[in-house]
N, C-alpha and C. Protein backbone atom coordinates (compact mmCIF):
# COMPACT_ATOMS: atom_id res chain seq x y z
N MET A 1 123.66 127.49 133.58
CA MET A 1 125.09 128.31 134.22
C MET A 1 126.20 128.80 134.13
N PRO A 2 125.99 129.91 134.27
CA PRO A 2 127.08 130.82 133.83
C PRO A 2 128.83 131.12 134.17
N ARG A 3 129.69 130.81 133.28
CA ARG A 3 130.98 131.33 132.89
C ARG A 3 131.70 131.06 134.21
N GLU A 4 132.34 131.02 135.24
CA GLU A 4 133.08 131.46 135.89
C GLU A 4 134.59 131.75 135.67
N TYR A 5 134.01 133.27 135.83
CA TYR A 5 136.02 133.98 135.55
C TYR A 5 136.83 133.89 135.91
N ARG A 6 137.73 133.46 135.49
CA ARG A 6 139.27 133.36 136.71
C ARG A 6 140.19 134.88 136.48
N GLU A 7 141.01 135.29 137.06
CA GLU A 7 142.28 136.33 136.85
C GLU A 7 142.86 136.00 135.63
N PRO A 8 143.39 136.67 135.38
CA PRO A 8 144.48 136.30 134.52
C PRO A 8 145.59 135.50 134.74
N TRP A 9 146.12 134.15 134.09
CA TRP A 9 147.35 133.80 134.47
C TRP A 9 148.87 134.79 134.88
N THR A 10 149.16 134.36 135.78
CA THR A 10 150.32 135.18 136.45
C THR A 10 151.70 134.86 135.92
N SER A 11 152.49 135.76 136.28
CA SER A 11 153.73 135.59 135.74
C SER A 11 154.62 134.17 135.98
N ALA A 12 154.19 133.59 137.56
CA ALA A 12 154.76 132.85 138.56
C ALA A 12 153.63 131.28 137.80
N GLU A 13 152.50 131.52 137.30
CA GLU A 13 151.58 130.49 136.70
C GLU A 13 152.54 129.99 135.06
N ARG A 14 152.94 131.26 134.48
CA ARG A 14 152.88 130.72 133.34
C ARG A 14 154.71 130.35 132.87
N THR A 15 155.25 130.76 133.92
CA THR A 15 157.02 129.97 133.98
C THR A 15 156.54 128.87 134.56
N LYS A 16 155.86 128.35 135.91
CA LYS A 16 155.58 127.13 136.32
C LYS A 16 155.08 126.19 134.82
N PHE A 17 153.65 126.93 134.54
CA PHE A 17 152.83 126.06 133.49
C PHE A 17 154.10 125.81 132.28
N ARG A 18 155.11 126.76 132.32
CA ARG A 18 155.90 125.93 130.50
C ARG A 18 157.26 125.51 131.51
N GLU A 19 157.18 125.05 132.52
CA GLU A 19 157.97 124.00 133.02
C GLU A 19 157.44 122.98 132.88
N LEU A 20 156.53 122.63 133.76
CA LEU A 20 156.09 121.94 133.23
C LEU A 20 155.05 121.07 131.93
N PHE A 21 154.70 121.87 131.06
CA PHE A 21 155.06 121.22 129.37
C PHE A 21 156.10 121.03 128.94
N ASP A 22 157.29 121.99 129.37
CA ASP A 22 158.48 120.96 128.68
C ASP A 22 159.04 119.57 129.12
N ARG A 23 158.53 119.69 130.09
CA ARG A 23 158.74 118.20 130.70
C ARG A 23 157.65 117.05 130.56
N GLY A 24 156.48 117.98 129.66
CA GLY A 24 155.78 116.27 128.70
C GLY A 24 154.31 116.14 129.76
N PHE A 25 154.38 117.11 130.89
CA PHE A 25 153.11 116.95 132.17
C PHE A 25 151.85 116.75 130.68
N SER A 26 150.83 116.03 131.59
CA SER A 26 149.29 116.66 130.78
C SER A 26 149.13 117.67 130.92
N ALA A 27 147.62 118.74 130.10
CA ALA A 27 146.89 119.34 130.13
C ALA A 27 145.98 119.16 131.51
N ALA A 28 145.71 118.16 131.91
CA ALA A 28 144.88 118.02 133.59
C ALA A 28 146.07 117.68 134.57
N ALA A 29 147.27 117.75 134.40
CA ALA A 29 148.14 117.34 135.17
C ALA A 29 148.74 119.23 135.75
N ILE A 30 148.79 119.72 134.65
CA ILE A 30 149.37 120.82 135.35
C ILE A 30 147.83 121.79 135.50
N GLY A 31 147.26 121.66 134.79
CA GLY A 31 146.06 122.13 135.59
C GLY A 31 145.71 121.69 137.30
N ALA A 32 145.70 120.95 137.21
CA ALA A 32 146.05 120.28 138.93
C ALA A 32 146.91 121.04 139.37
N GLU A 33 147.94 121.53 139.34
CA GLU A 33 149.52 121.53 139.27
C GLU A 33 148.80 123.05 140.22
N LEU A 34 148.29 123.76 138.86
CA LEU A 34 148.01 125.30 139.25
C LEU A 34 146.92 125.44 139.48
N GLY A 35 146.10 124.81 140.03
CA GLY A 35 144.43 125.15 140.20
C GLY A 35 143.80 125.78 138.80
N ARG A 36 144.13 125.20 138.03
CA ARG A 36 143.47 126.03 136.40
C ARG A 36 142.58 124.33 136.19
N THR A 37 141.37 124.72 135.27
CA THR A 37 140.83 123.13 134.77
C THR A 37 141.76 122.75 133.02
N LYS A 38 141.57 121.81 132.58
CA LYS A 38 142.50 121.26 132.20
C LYS A 38 142.38 121.99 130.55
N ASN A 39 140.75 122.44 130.71
CA ASN A 39 140.31 123.20 129.12
C ASN A 39 141.06 124.86 129.42
N ALA A 40 141.24 124.83 130.43
CA ALA A 40 142.21 126.84 131.13
C ALA A 40 143.50 126.12 130.40
N VAL A 41 144.14 125.45 130.35
CA VAL A 41 145.00 124.86 130.48
C VAL A 41 145.57 125.17 128.73
N ILE A 42 144.71 124.15 128.32
CA ILE A 42 144.96 123.28 126.74
C ILE A 42 144.62 124.96 125.99
N GLY A 43 143.37 125.78 126.47
CA GLY A 43 143.49 127.33 125.77
C GLY A 43 144.57 128.35 125.93
N PHE A 44 145.15 127.47 126.67
CA PHE A 44 146.68 128.81 127.44
C PHE A 44 147.12 128.53 126.68
N TRP A 45 147.90 126.87 125.96
CA TRP A 45 148.89 126.45 126.04
C TRP A 45 148.32 127.17 123.83
N THR A 46 147.15 126.69 124.10
CA THR A 46 147.11 127.00 122.17
C THR A 46 146.78 128.94 121.87
N LYS A 47 146.63 129.54 122.92
CA LYS A 47 147.06 130.75 122.91
C LYS A 47 148.55 131.20 122.44
N CYS A 48 149.69 130.54 122.83
CA CYS A 48 150.75 130.85 122.90
C CYS A 48 151.27 130.04 122.01
N GLY A 49 150.82 129.08 120.69
CA GLY A 49 150.78 128.60 119.57
C GLY A 49 151.57 127.21 120.56
N LEU A 50 152.29 126.78 121.07
CA LEU A 50 152.51 125.47 121.40
C LEU A 50 151.96 123.90 121.07
N PHE A 51 152.78 123.43 120.83
CA PHE A 51 151.88 122.42 120.21
C PHE A 51 152.65 120.88 121.23
N ARG A 52 151.86 119.57 121.65
CA ARG A 52 152.56 118.78 121.86
C ARG A 52 153.46 117.72 121.39
N ARG A 53 153.12 117.65 119.81
CA ARG A 53 153.55 116.86 118.88
C ARG A 53 154.04 117.19 117.70
N GLU A 54 155.15 116.96 117.10
CA GLU A 54 155.04 117.76 115.72
C GLU A 54 154.68 116.77 115.19
N LEU A 55 154.36 117.95 114.14
CA LEU A 55 153.16 118.48 112.60
C LEU A 55 153.94 117.27 111.79
N PRO A 56 153.58 116.09 110.72
CA PRO A 56 154.37 115.14 109.95
C PRO A 56 154.83 116.45 108.76
N PRO A 57 155.93 116.02 108.35
CA PRO A 57 156.17 116.81 107.15
C PRO A 57 155.61 116.29 106.24
N VAL A 58 155.66 117.87 105.41
CA VAL A 58 154.35 117.46 103.87
C VAL A 58 154.52 115.70 103.18
N GLU A 59 155.80 115.89 102.59
CA GLU A 59 155.87 114.37 102.14
C GLU A 59 154.98 113.62 101.87
N ASN A 60 155.48 113.60 104.16
CA ASN A 60 154.29 112.41 104.69
C ASN A 60 152.62 112.55 104.34
N LEU A 61 152.23 113.69 104.42
CA LEU A 61 150.90 113.79 104.48
C LEU A 61 150.73 112.84 103.28
N PHE A 62 151.04 113.62 101.71
CA PHE A 62 151.08 113.12 100.75
C PHE A 62 151.30 111.45 100.48
N ASP A 63 152.27 110.82 101.02
CA ASP A 63 152.42 109.95 100.41
C ASP A 63 151.19 109.08 101.63
N ARG A 64 150.88 109.38 102.87
CA ARG A 64 149.74 108.83 103.29
C ARG A 64 148.41 108.87 102.67
N LEU A 65 148.38 110.31 101.90
CA LEU A 65 147.03 110.08 100.55
C LEU A 65 146.96 109.20 99.71
N GLN A 66 148.09 108.70 99.47
CA GLN A 66 148.22 107.93 97.91
C GLN A 66 148.14 106.79 98.83
N ARG A 67 148.77 106.33 99.75
CA ARG A 67 148.37 104.99 100.08
C ARG A 67 147.02 104.71 100.69
N LEU A 68 146.08 105.40 101.22
CA LEU A 68 144.67 105.84 101.23
C LEU A 68 143.65 105.12 100.18
N HIS A 69 144.17 106.61 99.16
CA HIS A 69 143.67 106.87 97.89
C HIS A 69 144.06 104.47 97.23
N ASP A 70 145.39 104.33 96.78
CA ASP A 70 145.56 103.26 96.92
C ASP A 70 145.10 101.66 97.55
N ARG A 71 144.17 102.00 98.49
CA ARG A 71 143.48 100.74 99.58
C ARG A 71 142.45 101.36 98.77
N MET A 72 141.95 102.22 99.23
CA MET A 72 140.39 102.66 98.65
C MET A 72 140.08 102.29 96.94
N ASP A 73 141.00 102.55 96.32
CA ASP A 73 141.33 101.00 95.03
C ASP A 73 140.73 99.77 95.14
N ALA A 74 141.97 99.31 96.13
CA ALA A 74 141.89 98.07 96.11
C ALA A 74 140.47 97.85 96.40
N LEU A 75 140.06 98.25 97.62
CA LEU A 75 138.55 97.69 97.67
C LEU A 75 137.90 97.69 97.43
N LEU A 76 137.63 98.98 95.68
CA LEU A 76 136.13 99.15 95.66
C LEU A 76 136.53 98.90 93.80
N GLY A 77 137.95 97.61 93.56
CA GLY A 77 138.31 97.10 92.55
C GLY A 77 138.39 98.12 91.23
N GLY A 78 138.70 99.07 91.90
CA GLY A 78 139.15 100.27 90.81
C GLY A 78 138.34 100.94 89.85
N ARG A 79 137.17 101.30 91.14
CA ARG A 79 136.28 102.12 90.97
C ARG A 79 136.66 103.25 91.74
N ASN A 80 137.19 103.44 91.34
CA ASN A 80 137.48 104.68 92.72
C ASN A 80 138.48 105.52 91.54
N GLU A 81 137.76 106.35 90.69
CA GLU A 81 138.40 107.35 89.62
C GLU A 81 137.96 108.11 89.68
């Protein structure tokens, strides 16, 4: 099945997208409002460099990895070295 080509995002669509994104609407809801697919919306916000949630600080990542290592060590009885 050939890919369907859509016109580039208009200025009005970009403005409406940003308004809905900032208000927390899902990709599917934004797509329905704009007449675009959910995947088109996700692709657009990825290209814009937007994130829906905040990324964890690096310290928290290392803490989580250490807890995971400790749990694995406990499950394996100290054989995880």
